[in-house]
Amino acid sequence: MRTWLSAVVVASLVSLPSLSAQGRPDFSGTWKMDSSRSESAAQAEPIGPVTLVIAQTPNERTDQNLSAPCLCTYPAIQPYEN
């Protein structure tokens, strides 16, 4: 029993640094809608092909919809630190 408890404590301590080491996801790239896996409850007919280009930096994210004239820039949300 004591060995099992020791193993659990050591495993918990070893895994703690990995929880805080996870970085922010980077969605940069060209994203194309898969119409076979997409549906809209608000539209009777599906919309045409949609291509979205995302450029992400530590300070902002820019989304450009190639299917419609739309370019949006969003500031990065900084994590709360104590």
C-alpha atoms as a PDB file:
ATOM      1  CA  MET A   1       0.000   0.000   0.000  1.00  0.00           C
ATOM      2  CA  ARG A   2       2.803   2.391   0.909  1.00  0.00           C
ATOM      3  CA  THR A   3       4.646   1.694  -2.356  1.00  0.00           C
ATOM      4  CA  TRP A   4       1.487   2.351  -4.352  1.00  0.00           C
ATOM      5  CA  LEU A   5       0.917   5.671  -2.564  1.00  0.00           C
ATOM      6  CA  SER A   6       4.528   6.687  -3.187  1.00  0.00           C
ATOM      7  CA  ALA A   7       4.164   5.868  -6.875  1.00  0.00           C
ATOM      8  CA  VAL A   8       1.018   8.008  -7.141  1.00  0.00           C
ATOM      9  CA  VAL A   9       2.704  10.961  -5.414  1.00  0.00           C
ATOM     10  CA  VAL A  10       5.791  10.747  -7.658  1.00  0.00           C
ATOM     11  CA  ALA A  11       3.653  10.460 -10.810  1.00  0.00           C
ATOM     12  CA  SER A  12       1.632  13.510  -9.759  1.00  0.00           C
ATOM     13  CA  LEU A  13       4.723  15.598  -9.120  1.00  0.00           C
ATOM     14  CA  VAL A  14       6.307  14.596 -12.422  1.00  0.00           C
ATOM     15  CA  SER A  15       3.186  15.519 -14.420  1.00  0.00           C
ATOM     16  CA  LEU A  16       2.692  18.982 -12.859  1.00  0.00           C
ATOM     17  CA  PRO A  17       5.267  20.831 -15.020  1.00  0.00           C
ATOM     18  CA  SER A  18       3.713  19.466 -18.202  1.00  0.00           C
ATOM     19  CA  LEU A  19       0.377  21.092 -17.357  1.00  0.00           C
ATOM     20  CA  SER A  20       1.838  24.590 -17.368  1.00  0.00           C
ATOM     21  CA  ALA A  21       4.093  23.932 -20.368  1.00  0.00           C
ATOM     22  CA  GLN A  22       1.227  23.800 -22.844  1.00  0.00           C
ATOM     23  CA  GLY A  23       1.494  26.678 -25.292  1.00  0.00           C
ATOM     24  CA  ARG A  24      -1.209  28.530 -27.119  1.00  0.00           C
ATOM     25  CA  PRO A  25      -2.603  26.838 -30.214  1.00  0.00           C
ATOM     26  CA  ASP A  26      -1.545  28.357 -33.539  1.00  0.00           C
ATOM     27  CA  PHE A  27      -4.316  28.291 -36.132  1.00  0.00           C
ATOM     28  CA  SER A  28      -2.225  29.903 -38.897  1.00  0.00           C
ATOM     29  CA  GLY A  29      -2.793  28.476 -42.342  1.00  0.00           C
ATOM     30  CA  THR A  30      -5.392  28.061 -45.041  1.00  0.00           C
ATOM     31  CA  TRP A  31      -8.616  26.401 -43.947  1.00  0.00           C
ATOM     32  CA  LYS A  32     -11.125  25.040 -46.465  1.00  0.00           C
ATOM     33  CA  MET A  33     -14.671  24.067 -45.557  1.00  0.00           C
ATOM     34  CA  ASP A  34     -15.513  20.416 -46.107  1.00  0.00           C
ATOM     35  CA  SER A  35     -19.061  20.685 -47.468  1.00  0.00           C
ATOM     36  CA  SER A  36     -19.714  16.992 -46.954  1.00  0.00           C
ATOM     37  CA  ARG A  37     -19.247  17.480 -43.202  1.00  0.00           C
ATOM     38  CA  SER A  38     -20.893  20.913 -42.911  1.00  0.00           C
ATOM     39  CA  GLU A  39     -24.530  21.872 -42.675  1.00  0.00           C
ATOM     40  CA  SER A  40     -26.509  24.911 -41.702  1.00  0.00           C
ATOM     41  CA  ALA A  41     -29.909  24.866 -40.060  1.00  0.00           C
ATOM     42  CA  ALA A  42     -30.530  28.438 -41.233  1.00  0.00           C
ATOM     43  CA  GLN A  43     -30.002  27.775 -44.959  1.00  0.00           C
ATOM     44  CA  ALA A  44     -32.028  25.515 -47.216  1.00  0.00           C
ATOM     45  CA  GLU A  45     -29.206  25.229 -49.752  1.00  0.00           C
ATOM     46  CA  PRO A  46     -25.609  24.954 -48.624  1.00  0.00           C
ATOM     47  CA  ILE A  47     -23.341  27.907 -49.203  1.00  0.00           C
ATOM     48  CA  GLY A  48     -20.556  27.655 -51.725  1.00  0.00           C
ATOM     49  CA  PRO A  49     -16.982  26.724 -50.887  1.00  0.00           C
ATOM     50  CA  VAL A  50     -15.435  28.749 -48.068  1.00  0.00           C
ATOM     51  CA  THR A  51     -11.701  29.341 -47.691  1.00  0.00           C
ATOM     52  CA  LEU A  52     -10.319  31.124 -44.656  1.00  0.00           C
ATOM     53  CA  VAL A  53      -6.702  32.280 -44.320  1.00  0.00           C
ATOM     54  CA  ILE A  54      -5.515  32.810 -40.753  1.00  0.00           C
ATOM     55  CA  ALA A  55      -2.275  34.578 -39.804  1.00  0.00           C
ATOM     56  CA  GLN A  56      -1.441  34.500 -36.104  1.00  0.00           C
ATOM     57  CA  THR A  57       1.288  36.257 -34.129  1.00  0.00           C
ATOM     58  CA  PRO A  58       1.741  36.523 -30.358  1.00  0.00           C
ATOM     59  CA  ASN A  59      -0.020  39.917 -30.463  1.00  0.00           C
ATOM     60  CA  GLU A  60      -2.868  39.446 -32.944  1.00  0.00           C
ATOM     61  CA  ARG A  61      -4.774  37.135 -35.259  1.00  0.00           C
ATOM     62  CA  THR A  62      -5.918  38.113 -38.751  1.00  0.00           C
ATOM     63  CA  ASP A  63      -8.691  36.228 -40.555  1.00  0.00           C
ATOM     64  CA  GLN A  64      -9.267  36.689 -44.281  1.00  0.00           C
ATOM     65  CA  ASN A  65     -12.284  35.078 -45.914  1.00  0.00           C
ATOM     66  CA  LEU A  66     -11.359  34.463 -49.562  1.00  0.00           C
ATOM     67  CA  SER A  67     -14.989  33.669 -50.427  1.00  0.00           C
ATOM     68  CA  ALA A  68     -16.246  37.091 -49.316  1.00  0.00           C
ATOM     69  CA  PRO A  69     -14.529  40.464 -48.977  1.00  0.00           C
ATOM     70  CA  CYS A  70     -13.726  40.234 -45.296  1.00  0.00           C
ATOM     71  CA  LEU A  71     -10.479  40.901 -43.411  1.00  0.00           C
ATOM     72  CA  CYS A  72     -10.707  40.923 -39.622  1.00  0.00           C
ATOM     73  CA  THR A  73      -7.920  41.517 -37.107  1.00  0.00           C
ATOM     74  CA  TYR A  74      -8.263  40.558 -33.447  1.00  0.00           C
ATOM     75  CA  PRO A  75      -5.901  41.438 -30.584  1.00  0.00           C
ATOM     76  CA  ALA A  76      -4.457  38.512 -28.696  1.00  0.00           C
ATOM     77  CA  ILE A  77      -5.947  37.891 -25.283  1.00  0.00           C
ATOM     78  CA  GLN A  78      -3.176  37.893 -22.725  1.00  0.00           C
ATOM     79  CA  PRO A  79      -3.357  35.197 -20.061  1.00  0.00           C
ATOM     80  CA  TYR A  80      -4.056  36.262 -16.503  1.00  0.00           C
ATOM     81  CA  GLU A  81      -0.971  36.032 -14.336  1.00  0.00           C
ATOM     82  CA  ASN A  82      -0.834  36.383 -10.550  1.00  0.00           C
END
